[in-house]
Amino acid sequence: MEIKLRNDVVERLKRDQHLRTKLALELRRSYATIQRYVNDNSELLTTATALRIISEELGIDRSDLLEEA
């Protein structure tokens, strides 16, 4: 069983350059790497730090960010 971000959350990430930049800085990854994570809906976006940032920026409870793939 694999856990991924919900598709609607991924779509919001694709439209939010500020959030992708914040993820890049906090996760110490390049902007291009974060862009690839978002495009692939990578499980690396489900780390505690990434989920905290996404939750805070989008105003969505952490428990509502994920779904089983």
Protein backbone atom coordinates (compact mmCIF):
# COMPACT_ATOMS: atom_id res chain seq x y z
CA MET A 1 0.00 0.00 0.00
CA GLU A 2 1.34 3.38 -1.01
CA ILE A 3 0.35 6.74 0.47
CA LYS A 4 0.29 9.79 -1.80
CA LEU A 5 -1.02 13.34 -1.73
CA ARG A 6 -4.61 13.68 -2.89
CA ASN A 7 -4.90 14.75 -6.53
CA ASP A 8 -6.60 18.05 -5.64
CA VAL A 9 -3.69 18.88 -3.31
CA VAL A 10 -1.18 18.10 -6.08
CA GLU A 11 -3.11 20.38 -8.46
CA ARG A 12 -2.92 23.21 -5.92
CA LEU A 13 0.81 22.62 -5.52
CA LYS A 14 1.24 22.85 -9.29
CA ARG A 15 -0.42 26.30 -9.26
CA ASP A 16 1.36 27.66 -6.15
CA GLN A 17 4.91 28.76 -6.93
CA HIS A 18 5.37 30.28 -3.46
CA LEU A 19 4.56 26.96 -1.80
CA ARG A 20 6.91 25.01 -4.08
CA THR A 21 9.67 27.52 -3.29
CA LYS A 22 9.02 27.18 0.44
CA LEU A 23 9.19 23.39 0.14
CA ALA A 24 12.49 23.66 -1.73
CA LEU A 25 14.01 25.84 0.98
CA GLU A 26 12.71 23.81 3.93
CA LEU A 27 13.54 20.42 2.41
CA ARG A 28 16.90 21.65 1.11
CA ARG A 29 16.14 20.55 -2.42
CA SER A 30 16.31 22.50 -5.66
CA TYR A 31 13.18 24.08 -7.06
CA ALA A 32 13.45 21.73 -10.05
CA THR A 33 13.53 18.72 -7.72
CA ILE A 34 10.40 19.90 -5.92
CA GLN A 35 8.73 20.45 -9.29
CA ARG A 36 9.59 16.85 -10.24
CA TYR A 37 8.23 15.59 -6.89
CA VAL A 38 4.96 17.43 -7.54
CA ASN A 39 4.66 16.22 -11.15
CA ASP A 40 5.27 12.62 -10.02
CA ASN A 41 3.24 12.97 -6.80
CA SER A 42 6.31 11.57 -5.10
CA GLU A 43 6.08 9.88 -1.72
CA LEU A 44 8.85 12.30 -0.68
CA LEU A 45 6.10 14.90 -0.37
CA THR A 46 4.57 12.84 2.44
CA THR A 47 7.42 13.41 4.90
CA ALA A 48 6.49 15.08 8.18
CA THR A 49 8.18 18.34 7.21
CA ALA A 50 6.59 18.49 3.76
CA LEU A 51 3.13 17.70 5.14
CA ARG A 52 3.48 20.40 7.82
CA ILE A 53 4.39 23.03 5.24
CA ILE A 54 1.67 22.01 2.80
CA SER A 55 -0.92 21.88 5.57
CA GLU A 56 0.01 25.31 6.93
CA GLU A 57 0.17 26.99 3.53
CA LEU A 58 -3.04 25.50 2.12
CA GLY A 59 -5.01 25.55 5.37
CA ILE A 60 -5.84 21.85 5.08
CA ASP A 61 -5.59 19.41 7.98
CA ARG A 62 -2.69 17.00 7.57
CA SER A 63 -5.08 14.06 7.78
CA ASP A 64 -6.95 15.42 4.74
CA LEU A 65 -3.86 15.69 2.51
CA LEU A 66 -3.26 12.00 1.89
CA GLU A 67 -4.91 9.03 0.21
CA GLU A 68 -3.97 5.44 -0.55
CA ALA A 69 -2.64 4.95 -4.05
